[in-house]
Amino acid sequence: MSLQDTKQAIKHQLGNLYDAIEMNSMVNIIIEEVTGWDALHQNIHKNDALEPSQIEQLDHYVEQLLTGKPLQYIIQKAWFLGKAYFVNEAVLIPRPETEELVEWIIEYAQIINKPLSILDIGTGSGCIPISLKLAIPNAHITAIDISKEALAIAEQNAASYHTEIEWIAQDILQTKQLKDRYDIMVSNPPYIPLREKLAMQKQVADHEPEIALFVPDQFPLIFYSKIAHIGKSALKPNGQLFFEIHYDQGEAIIALLDEMGYHAELRQDIFGKDRMVRASLKS
């Protein structure tokens, strides 16, 4: 069976689980994982037959995709700002919206143009602090997470890119005060109200870590409130908070931060949804 026929067979097996664009992308990715051929070379080799061992590996991938397991967990790889990160079900899969948050911080750092101390709260795979360290080499970066499993993955990813980051196992909701002060505190915390779980894609709701996704329905801003409270003593003069947020929480978070003594700015993501906030203490 040619590569082209193999692709069609995989798409037929996956049926209506995914839309056409997503399915084409996934098929190209798993073919590349097995053969090493990118999309261009897959087209060049479209009439070539795959080895039996390659077909076996593809069958294994398809079996897992049919269960709804996210592709990134199957191949244990996710891309973030052009870099590959090891991921498994202990960490959230990095999203394009978070890339925009990191790019905003990098823009700010370039304007400030001085050595910065940065804290990432709820680091997961480590994609935020690693990306920041690669872009701002003279920054001192610390990252915390409640999950020791997540921190182990983040450390592994940092080692892959030779980035020096301080890792701390810590529950921010149980933290009264941080031991250091920072120019920037950034967080992409859990922000999805638990009531939304039933309406979410099963690939997300059934596989990604709940501790990184959901917050109580009665207090969806719990992490923002806590981090902003800590920020009052942990931010250096002119220090900044950067948050990723739920698309329908923008006004509520701006109001919360204003009440807590912060000036706040809201930004939309590439899809036109409220997604990022920057805040600094009022003088």
C-alpha atoms as a PDB file:
ATOM      1  CA  MET A   1       0.000   0.000   0.000  1.00  0.00           C
ATOM      2  CA  SER A   2       1.366   3.409  -0.980  1.00  0.00           C
ATOM      3  CA  LEU A   3       1.771   6.283   1.447  1.00  0.00           C
ATOM      4  CA  GLN A   4      -1.115   8.080  -0.267  1.00  0.00           C
ATOM      5  CA  ASP A   5      -3.380   5.032   0.183  1.00  0.00           C
ATOM      6  CA  THR A   6      -2.247   4.677   3.794  1.00  0.00           C
ATOM      7  CA  LYS A   7      -3.260   8.268   4.495  1.00  0.00           C
ATOM      8  CA  GLN A   8      -6.711   7.707   3.007  1.00  0.00           C
ATOM      9  CA  ALA A   9      -7.151   4.524   5.049  1.00  0.00           C
ATOM     10  CA  ILE A  10      -6.279   6.378   8.269  1.00  0.00           C
ATOM     11  CA  LYS A  11      -8.754   9.160   7.467  1.00  0.00           C
ATOM     12  CA  HIS A  12     -11.448   6.566   6.807  1.00  0.00           C
ATOM     13  CA  GLN A  13     -10.740   4.907  10.170  1.00  0.00           C
ATOM     14  CA  LEU A  14     -10.973   8.195  12.034  1.00  0.00           C
ATOM     15  CA  GLY A  15     -14.301   8.895  10.354  1.00  0.00           C
ATOM     16  CA  ASN A  16     -16.160  11.913  11.720  1.00  0.00           C
ATOM     17  CA  LEU A  17     -14.176  12.304  14.949  1.00  0.00           C
ATOM     18  CA  TYR A  18     -12.315  15.333  13.576  1.00  0.00           C
ATOM     19  CA  ASP A  19     -12.984  18.005  10.975  1.00  0.00           C
ATOM     20  CA  ALA A  20     -11.153  17.755   7.653  1.00  0.00           C
ATOM     21  CA  ILE A  21      -8.487  20.384   8.396  1.00  0.00           C
ATOM     22  CA  GLU A  22      -7.634  18.935  11.815  1.00  0.00           C
ATOM     23  CA  MET A  23      -7.606  15.386  10.446  1.00  0.00           C
ATOM     24  CA  ASN A  24      -5.252  16.259   7.590  1.00  0.00           C
ATOM     25  CA  SER A  25      -2.898  17.956  10.028  1.00  0.00           C
ATOM     26  CA  MET A  26      -2.929  15.001  12.433  1.00  0.00           C
ATOM     27  CA  VAL A  27      -2.337  12.459   9.689  1.00  0.00           C
ATOM     28  CA  ASN A  28       0.625  14.459   8.386  1.00  0.00           C
ATOM     29  CA  ILE A  29       2.048  14.689  11.909  1.00  0.00           C
ATOM     30  CA  ILE A  30       1.840  10.975  12.692  1.00  0.00           C
ATOM     31  CA  ILE A  31       3.274  10.108   9.262  1.00  0.00           C
ATOM     32  CA  GLU A  32       6.176  12.469   9.969  1.00  0.00           C
ATOM     33  CA  GLU A  33       6.699  10.893  13.407  1.00  0.00           C
ATOM     34  CA  VAL A  34       6.961   7.450  11.814  1.00  0.00           C
ATOM     35  CA  THR A  35       8.848   8.245   8.607  1.00  0.00           C
ATOM     36  CA  GLY A  36      10.679  11.493   9.339  1.00  0.00           C
ATOM     37  CA  TRP A  37       9.103  13.012   6.205  1.00  0.00           C
ATOM     38  CA  ASP A  38       7.560  16.465   6.502  1.00  0.00           C
ATOM     39  CA  ALA A  39       4.508  17.409   4.392  1.00  0.00           C
ATOM     40  CA  LEU A  40       6.652  18.275   1.358  1.00  0.00           C
ATOM     41  CA  HIS A  41       8.549  14.987   1.425  1.00  0.00           C
ATOM     42  CA  GLN A  42       5.341  13.064   2.077  1.00  0.00           C
ATOM     43  CA  ASN A  43       4.090  14.411  -1.244  1.00  0.00           C
ATOM     44  CA  ILE A  44       7.345  13.439  -2.929  1.00  0.00           C
ATOM     45  CA  HIS A  45       7.090   9.896  -1.509  1.00  0.00           C
ATOM     46  CA  LYS A  46       3.311   9.552  -1.904  1.00  0.00           C
ATOM     47  CA  ASN A  47       3.652   6.478  -4.142  1.00  0.00           C
ATOM     48  CA  ASP A  48       6.201   4.736  -1.909  1.00  0.00           C
ATOM     49  CA  ALA A  49       5.194   1.817   0.300  1.00  0.00           C
ATOM     50  CA  LEU A  50       5.827   1.993   4.028  1.00  0.00           C
ATOM     51  CA  GLU A  51       7.726  -0.652   5.973  1.00  0.00           C
ATOM     52  CA  PRO A  52       5.644  -3.156   8.010  1.00  0.00           C
ATOM     53  CA  SER A  53       7.091  -1.727  11.229  1.00  0.00           C
ATOM     54  CA  GLN A  54       5.967   1.764  10.175  1.00  0.00           C
ATOM     55  CA  ILE A  55       2.450   0.513   9.422  1.00  0.00           C
ATOM     56  CA  GLU A  56       2.369  -1.136  12.851  1.00  0.00           C
ATOM     57  CA  GLN A  57       3.370   2.121  14.557  1.00  0.00           C
ATOM     58  CA  LEU A  58       0.724   4.052  12.617  1.00  0.00           C
ATOM     59  CA  ASP A  59      -1.929   1.507  13.624  1.00  0.00           C
ATOM     60  CA  HIS A  60      -0.912   2.036  17.254  1.00  0.00           C
ATOM     61  CA  TYR A  61      -1.317   5.803  16.884  1.00  0.00           C
ATOM     62  CA  VAL A  62      -4.718   5.458  15.197  1.00  0.00           C
ATOM     63  CA  GLU A  63      -5.989   3.112  17.923  1.00  0.00           C
ATOM     64  CA  GLN A  64      -5.210   5.796  20.498  1.00  0.00           C
ATOM     65  CA  LEU A  65      -6.717   8.601  18.413  1.00  0.00           C
ATOM     66  CA  LEU A  66      -9.954   6.591  18.196  1.00  0.00           C
ATOM     67  CA  THR A  67     -10.195   6.690  22.002  1.00  0.00           C
ATOM     68  CA  GLY A  68     -10.123  10.502  21.911  1.00  0.00           C
ATOM     69  CA  LYS A  69      -6.627  10.771  23.362  1.00  0.00           C
ATOM     70  CA  PRO A  70      -5.023  14.023  22.188  1.00  0.00           C
ATOM     71  CA  LEU A  71      -2.395  13.625  19.507  1.00  0.00           C
ATOM     72  CA  GLN A  72       0.157  15.557  21.584  1.00  0.00           C
ATOM     73  CA  TYR A  73      -0.080  12.985  24.379  1.00  0.00           C
ATOM     74  CA  ILE A  74       0.167  10.114  21.898  1.00  0.00           C
ATOM     75  CA  ILE A  75       3.410  11.363  20.359  1.00  0.00           C
ATOM     76  CA  GLN A  76       4.449  13.020  23.669  1.00  0.00           C
ATOM     77  CA  LYS A  77       5.257  16.249  21.901  1.00  0.00           C
ATOM     78  CA  ALA A  78       3.688  19.703  21.596  1.00  0.00           C
ATOM     79  CA  TRP A  79       4.954  22.778  19.784  1.00  0.00           C
ATOM     80  CA  PHE A  80       5.180  26.206  21.395  1.00  0.00           C
ATOM     81  CA  LEU A  81       6.731  29.247  19.694  1.00  0.00           C
ATOM     82  CA  GLY A  82       8.523  26.984  17.252  1.00  0.00           C
ATOM     83  CA  LYS A  83      10.015  24.686  19.896  1.00  0.00           C
ATOM     84  CA  ALA A  84       9.070  21.088  20.666  1.00  0.00           C
ATOM     85  CA  TYR A  85       8.145  20.260  24.281  1.00  0.00           C
ATOM     86  CA  PHE A  86       7.749  16.875  25.909  1.00  0.00           C
ATOM     87  CA  VAL A  87       4.216  16.494  27.269  1.00  0.00           C
ATOM     88  CA  ASN A  88       2.117  13.792  28.853  1.00  0.00           C
ATOM     89  CA  GLU A  89      -1.140  13.718  30.786  1.00  0.00           C
ATOM     90  CA  ALA A  90       0.489  15.304  33.842  1.00  0.00           C
ATOM     91  CA  VAL A  91       0.628  18.676  32.060  1.00  0.00           C
ATOM     92  CA  LEU A  92      -1.657  20.873  30.001  1.00  0.00           C
ATOM     93  CA  ILE A  93      -1.055  20.907  26.252  1.00  0.00           C
ATOM     94  CA  PRO A  94       0.386  24.341  25.308  1.00  0.00           C
ATOM     95  CA  ARG A  95      -1.987  26.546  23.299  1.00  0.00           C
ATOM     96  CA  PRO A  96      -1.426  29.265  20.658  1.00  0.00           C
ATOM     97  CA  GLU A  97      -3.179  31.817  22.884  1.00  0.00           C
ATOM     98  CA  THR A  98      -0.461  31.349  25.504  1.00  0.00           C
ATOM     99  CA  GLU A  99       2.166  32.066  22.852  1.00  0.00           C
ATOM    100  CA  GLU A 100       0.588  35.497  22.505  1.00  0.00           C
ATOM    101  CA  LEU A 101       0.867  36.079  26.260  1.00  0.00           C
ATOM    102  CA  VAL A 102       4.580  35.214  26.159  1.00  0.00           C
ATOM    103  CA  GLU A 103       5.114  37.487  23.156  1.00  0.00           C
ATOM    104  CA  TRP A 104       3.472  40.356  25.070  1.00  0.00           C
ATOM    105  CA  ILE A 105       5.890  39.845  27.958  1.00  0.00           C
ATOM    106  CA  ILE A 106       8.845  39.760  25.565  1.00  0.00           C
ATOM    107  CA  GLU A 107       7.667  43.036  23.989  1.00  0.00           C
ATOM    108  CA  TYR A 108       7.471  44.605  27.445  1.00  0.00           C
ATOM    109  CA  ALA A 109      10.927  43.313  28.406  1.00  0.00           C
ATOM    110  CA  GLN A 110      12.446  44.794  25.260  1.00  0.00           C
ATOM    111  CA  ILE A 111      10.976  48.186  26.125  1.00  0.00           C
ATOM    112  CA  ILE A 112      12.209  48.028  29.736  1.00  0.00           C
ATOM    113  CA  ASN A 113      15.628  46.830  28.564  1.00  0.00           C
ATOM    114  CA  LYS A 114      17.073  45.813  31.933  1.00  0.00           C
ATOM    115  CA  PRO A 115      17.729  42.506  33.722  1.00  0.00           C
ATOM    116  CA  LEU A 116      14.394  41.220  34.990  1.00  0.00           C
ATOM    117  CA  SER A 117      13.281  38.808  37.659  1.00  0.00           C
ATOM    118  CA  ILE A 118      10.273  36.802  36.469  1.00  0.00           C
ATOM    119  CA  LEU A 119       7.980  34.344  38.243  1.00  0.00           C
ATOM    120  CA  ASP A 120       5.724  31.891  36.378  1.00  0.00           C
ATOM    121  CA  ILE A 121       2.902  30.516  38.522  1.00  0.00           C
ATOM    122  CA  GLY A 122       1.478  27.139  37.488  1.00  0.00           C
ATOM    123  CA  THR A 123       4.205  26.331  35.000  1.00  0.00           C
ATOM    124  CA  GLY A 124       3.013  22.941  33.709  1.00  0.00           C
ATOM    125  CA  SER A 125       5.286  21.846  30.865  1.00  0.00           C
ATOM    126  CA  GLY A 126       7.520  24.861  31.461  1.00  0.00           C
ATOM    127  CA  CYS A 127       6.808  26.359  28.043  1.00  0.00           C
ATOM    128  CA  ILE A 128       6.296  29.886  29.433  1.00  0.00           C
ATOM    129  CA  PRO A 129       9.501  30.265  31.489  1.00  0.00           C
ATOM    130  CA  ILE A 130      11.636  28.385  28.963  1.00  0.00           C
ATOM    131  CA  SER A 131      10.402  30.585  26.106  1.00  0.00           C
ATOM    132  CA  LEU A 132      11.031  33.693  28.191  1.00  0.00           C
ATOM    133  CA  LYS A 133      14.539  32.571  29.134  1.00  0.00           C
ATOM    134  CA  LEU A 134      15.393  31.850  25.502  1.00  0.00           C
ATOM    135  CA  ALA A 135      14.127  35.292  24.467  1.00  0.00           C
ATOM    136  CA  ILE A 136      15.468  37.205  27.505  1.00  0.00           C
ATOM    137  CA  PRO A 137      18.715  35.403  28.437  1.00  0.00           C
ATOM    138  CA  ASN A 138      19.688  37.856  31.190  1.00  0.00           C
ATOM    139  CA  ALA A 139      16.405  37.401  33.064  1.00  0.00           C
ATOM    140  CA  HIS A 140      16.330  35.459  36.321  1.00  0.00           C
ATOM    141  CA  ILE A 141      13.321  33.183  36.048  1.00  0.00           C
ATOM    142  CA  THR A 142      11.544  31.151  38.709  1.00  0.00           C
ATOM    143  CA  ALA A 143       8.641  28.786  38.070  1.00  0.00           C
ATOM    144  CA  ILE A 144       6.310  27.132  40.538  1.00  0.00           C
ATOM    145  CA  ASP A 145       3.704  24.403  40.276  1.00  0.00           C
ATOM    146  CA  ILE A 146       1.660  22.372  42.735  1.00  0.00           C
ATOM    147  CA  SER A 147       2.431  19.198  40.771  1.00  0.00           C
ATOM    148  CA  LYS A 148       5.818  17.534  41.240  1.00  0.00           C
ATOM    149  CA  GLU A 149       5.101  15.443  38.131  1.00  0.00           C
ATOM    150  CA  ALA A 150       4.631  18.620  36.105  1.00  0.00           C
ATOM    151  CA  LEU A 151       7.829  20.127  37.495  1.00  0.00           C
ATOM    152  CA  ALA A 152       9.782  17.025  36.490  1.00  0.00           C
ATOM    153  CA  ILE A 153       8.537  17.436  32.918  1.00  0.00           C
ATOM    154  CA  ALA A 154       9.312  21.168  32.963  1.00  0.00           C
ATOM    155  CA  GLU A 155      12.854  20.459  34.154  1.00  0.00           C
ATOM    156  CA  GLN A 156      13.281  17.894  31.382  1.00  0.00           C
ATOM    157  CA  ASN A 157      12.152  20.439  28.799  1.00  0.00           C
ATOM    158  CA  ALA A 158      14.450  23.103  30.244  1.00  0.00           C
ATOM    159  CA  ALA A 159      17.395  20.726  30.006  1.00  0.00           C
ATOM    160  CA  SER A 160      16.597  20.131  26.332  1.00  0.00           C
ATOM    161  CA  TYR A 161      17.069  23.842  25.659  1.00  0.00           C
ATOM    162  CA  HIS A 162      19.887  24.407  28.167  1.00  0.00           C
ATOM    163  CA  THR A 163      17.880  27.018  30.066  1.00  0.00           C
ATOM    164  CA  GLU A 164      18.620  27.779  33.701  1.00  0.00           C
ATOM    165  CA  ILE A 165      15.393  28.208  35.671  1.00  0.00           C
ATOM    166  CA  GLU A 166      14.629  27.864  39.372  1.00  0.00           C
ATOM    167  CA  TRP A 167      11.858  25.311  39.937  1.00  0.00           C
ATOM    168  CA  ILE A 168       9.742  25.269  43.106  1.00  0.00           C
ATOM    169  CA  ALA A 169       6.977  22.874  44.179  1.00  0.00           C
ATOM    170  CA  GLN A 170       4.383  25.147  45.759  1.00  0.00           C
ATOM    171  CA  ASP A 171       0.611  25.559  46.029  1.00  0.00           C
ATOM    172  CA  ILE A 172      -0.040  29.221  45.277  1.00  0.00           C
ATOM    173  CA  LEU A 173      -3.480  29.110  46.917  1.00  0.00           C
ATOM    174  CA  GLN A 174      -1.848  28.090  50.196  1.00  0.00           C
ATOM    175  CA  THR A 175       0.922  30.688  49.909  1.00  0.00           C
ATOM    176  CA  LYS A 176       0.767  33.761  52.129  1.00  0.00           C
ATOM    177  CA  GLN A 177       3.915  35.482  50.906  1.00  0.00           C
ATOM    178  CA  LEU A 178       6.712  34.805  48.441  1.00  0.00           C
ATOM    179  CA  LYS A 179      10.326  34.811  49.588  1.00  0.00           C
ATOM    180  CA  ASP A 180      11.527  36.995  46.687  1.00  0.00           C
ATOM    181  CA  ARG A 181      10.283  40.005  44.735  1.00  0.00           C
ATOM    182  CA  TYR A 182       9.775  40.135  40.982  1.00  0.00           C
ATOM    183  CA  ASP A 183       9.570  42.552  38.073  1.00  0.00           C
ATOM    184  CA  ILE A 184       7.040  40.285  36.377  1.00  0.00           C
ATOM    185  CA  MET A 185       4.626  37.676  37.676  1.00  0.00           C
ATOM    186  CA  VAL A 186       2.926  35.660  34.950  1.00  0.00           C
ATOM    187  CA  SER A 187       0.286  32.967  35.167  1.00  0.00           C
ATOM    188  CA  ASN A 188      -1.936  30.911  32.922  1.00  0.00           C
ATOM    189  CA  PRO A 189      -3.899  29.480  35.841  1.00  0.00           C
ATOM    190  CA  PRO A 190      -6.923  27.183  35.884  1.00  0.00           C
ATOM    191  CA  TYR A 191      -9.853  29.354  34.815  1.00  0.00           C
ATOM    192  CA  ILE A 192     -12.615  27.178  33.331  1.00  0.00           C
ATOM    193  CA  PRO A 193     -15.699  26.954  35.589  1.00  0.00           C
ATOM    194  CA  LEU A 194     -16.401  23.316  36.416  1.00  0.00           C
ATOM    195  CA  ARG A 195     -19.943  23.616  35.025  1.00  0.00           C
ATOM    196  CA  GLU A 196     -18.450  23.935  31.514  1.00  0.00           C
ATOM    197  CA  LYS A 197     -16.800  20.517  31.626  1.00  0.00           C
ATOM    198  CA  LEU A 198     -19.733  18.659  30.071  1.00  0.00           C
ATOM    199  CA  ALA A 199     -19.754  20.999  27.062  1.00  0.00           C
ATOM    200  CA  MET A 200     -16.020  20.705  26.394  1.00  0.00           C
ATOM    201  CA  GLN A 201     -14.336  18.519  23.816  1.00  0.00           C
ATOM    202  CA  LYS A 202     -13.848  15.041  25.278  1.00  0.00           C
ATOM    203  CA  GLN A 203     -10.227  15.111  24.130  1.00  0.00           C
ATOM    204  CA  VAL A 204      -9.659  17.936  26.621  1.00  0.00           C
ATOM    205  CA  ALA A 205     -12.080  17.113  29.429  1.00  0.00           C
ATOM    206  CA  ASP A 206     -11.208  13.409  29.619  1.00  0.00           C
ATOM    207  CA  HIS A 207      -7.445  13.604  29.219  1.00  0.00           C
ATOM    208  CA  GLU A 208      -5.896  16.914  30.256  1.00  0.00           C
ATOM    209  CA  PRO A 209      -5.241  17.396  34.005  1.00  0.00           C
ATOM    210  CA  GLU A 210      -8.299  18.769  35.807  1.00  0.00           C
ATOM    211  CA  ILE A 211      -6.091  20.572  38.308  1.00  0.00           C
ATOM    212  CA  ALA A 212      -4.747  22.708  35.430  1.00  0.00           C
ATOM    213  CA  LEU A 213      -8.138  23.412  33.857  1.00  0.00           C
ATOM    214  CA  PHE A 214     -10.994  23.891  36.296  1.00  0.00           C
ATOM    215  CA  VAL A 215     -12.029  26.235  39.081  1.00  0.00           C
ATOM    216  CA  PRO A 216     -15.087  26.210  41.340  1.00  0.00           C
ATOM    217  CA  ASP A 217     -18.224  27.622  39.729  1.00  0.00           C
ATOM    218  CA  GLN A 218     -18.829  29.893  42.714  1.00  0.00           C
ATOM    219  CA  PHE A 219     -15.375  31.538  42.550  1.00  0.00           C
ATOM    220  CA  PRO A 220     -13.930  31.343  39.026  1.00  0.00           C
ATOM    221  CA  LEU A 221     -11.418  34.153  39.681  1.00  0.00           C
ATOM    222  CA  ILE A 222      -9.862  32.491  42.714  1.00  0.00           C
ATOM    223  CA  PHE A 223      -6.349  32.295  41.223  1.00  0.00           C
ATOM    224  CA  TYR A 224      -6.335  35.860  39.903  1.00  0.00           C
ATOM    225  CA  SER A 225      -7.478  37.205  43.246  1.00  0.00           C
ATOM    226  CA  LYS A 226      -4.839  35.234  45.126  1.00  0.00           C
ATOM    227  CA  ILE A 227      -1.976  36.143  42.786  1.00  0.00           C
ATOM    228  CA  ALA A 228      -2.965  39.818  42.759  1.00  0.00           C
ATOM    229  CA  HIS A 229      -3.050  39.797  46.563  1.00  0.00           C
ATOM    230  CA  ILE A 230       0.420  38.239  46.743  1.00  0.00           C
ATOM    231  CA  GLY A 231       1.626  40.651  44.076  1.00  0.00           C
ATOM    232  CA  LYS A 232       1.084  43.606  46.386  1.00  0.00           C
ATOM    233  CA  SER A 233       4.126  42.537  48.396  1.00  0.00           C
ATOM    234  CA  ALA A 234       5.946  40.414  45.790  1.00  0.00           C
ATOM    235  CA  LEU A 235       6.128  42.890  42.901  1.00  0.00           C
ATOM    236  CA  LYS A 236       9.045  45.271  42.677  1.00  0.00           C
ATOM    237  CA  PRO A 237       8.335  48.971  41.977  1.00  0.00           C
ATOM    238  CA  ASN A 238       6.625  49.222  38.566  1.00  0.00           C
ATOM    239  CA  GLY A 239       6.239  45.441  38.587  1.00  0.00           C
ATOM    240  CA  GLN A 240       3.725  43.815  36.256  1.00  0.00           C
ATOM    241  CA  LEU A 241       1.211  41.002  36.421  1.00  0.00           C
ATOM    242  CA  PHE A 242       0.500  39.119  33.177  1.00  0.00           C
ATOM    243  CA  PHE A 243      -2.447  36.717  33.009  1.00  0.00           C
ATOM    244  CA  GLU A 244      -4.115  34.459  30.497  1.00  0.00           C
ATOM    245  CA  ILE A 245      -7.871  34.477  31.097  1.00  0.00           C
ATOM    246  CA  HIS A 246     -11.142  32.827  30.085  1.00  0.00           C
ATOM    247  CA  TYR A 247     -12.610  34.666  27.100  1.00  0.00           C
ATOM    248  CA  ASP A 248     -15.714  35.787  29.031  1.00  0.00           C
ATOM    249  CA  GLN A 249     -13.937  36.862  32.244  1.00  0.00           C
ATOM    250  CA  GLY A 250     -12.232  39.998  30.928  1.00  0.00           C
ATOM    251  CA  GLU A 251     -14.516  42.626  32.431  1.00  0.00           C
ATOM    252  CA  ALA A 252     -14.782  40.765  35.727  1.00  0.00           C
ATOM    253  CA  ILE A 253     -11.002  40.466  36.070  1.00  0.00           C
ATOM    254  CA  ILE A 254     -10.439  44.131  35.184  1.00  0.00           C
ATOM    255  CA  ALA A 255     -13.005  45.091  37.851  1.00  0.00           C
ATOM    256  CA  LEU A 256     -11.393  42.762  40.398  1.00  0.00           C
ATOM    257  CA  LEU A 257      -7.916  44.155  39.780  1.00  0.00           C
ATOM    258  CA  ASP A 258      -9.168  47.741  39.929  1.00  0.00           C
ATOM    259  CA  GLU A 259     -10.794  47.025  43.276  1.00  0.00           C
ATOM    260  CA  MET A 260      -7.525  45.523  44.512  1.00  0.00           C
ATOM    261  CA  GLY A 261      -5.524  48.613  43.562  1.00  0.00           C
ATOM    262  CA  TYR A 262      -4.225  47.783  40.081  1.00  0.00           C
ATOM    263  CA  HIS A 263      -4.307  49.507  36.724  1.00  0.00           C
ATOM    264  CA  ALA A 264      -5.172  46.781  34.204  1.00  0.00           C
ATOM    265  CA  GLU A 265      -5.089  46.421  30.429  1.00  0.00           C
ATOM    266  CA  LEU A 266      -7.076  43.820  28.491  1.00  0.00           C
ATOM    267  CA  ARG A 267      -5.930  42.286  25.185  1.00  0.00           C
ATOM    268  CA  GLN A 268      -7.678  40.028  22.714  1.00  0.00           C
ATOM    269  CA  ASP A 269      -6.182  36.935  21.117  1.00  0.00           C
ATOM    270  CA  ILE A 270      -5.820  36.086  17.429  1.00  0.00           C
ATOM    271  CA  PHE A 271      -9.431  34.895  17.434  1.00  0.00           C
ATOM    272  CA  GLY A 272     -10.725  38.256  18.670  1.00  0.00           C
ATOM    273  CA  LYS A 273     -11.546  37.010  22.167  1.00  0.00           C
ATOM    274  CA  ASP A 274     -10.545  38.627  25.466  1.00  0.00           C
ATOM    275  CA  ARG A 275      -7.593  36.479  26.548  1.00  0.00           C
ATOM    276  CA  MET A 276      -4.780  38.417  28.252  1.00  0.00           C
ATOM    277  CA  VAL A 277      -4.418  40.982  31.018  1.00  0.00           C
ATOM    278  CA  ARG A 278      -1.492  43.101  32.145  1.00  0.00           C
ATOM    279  CA  ALA A 279      -1.705  44.936  35.467  1.00  0.00           C
ATOM    280  CA  SER A 280       0.444  47.129  37.701  1.00  0.00           C
ATOM    281  CA  LEU A 281      -0.203  48.627  41.111  1.00  0.00           C
ATOM    282  CA  LYS A 282      -1.645  52.118  41.176  1.00  0.00           C
ATOM    283  CA  SER A 283       0.778  54.731  42.471  1.00  0.00           C
END
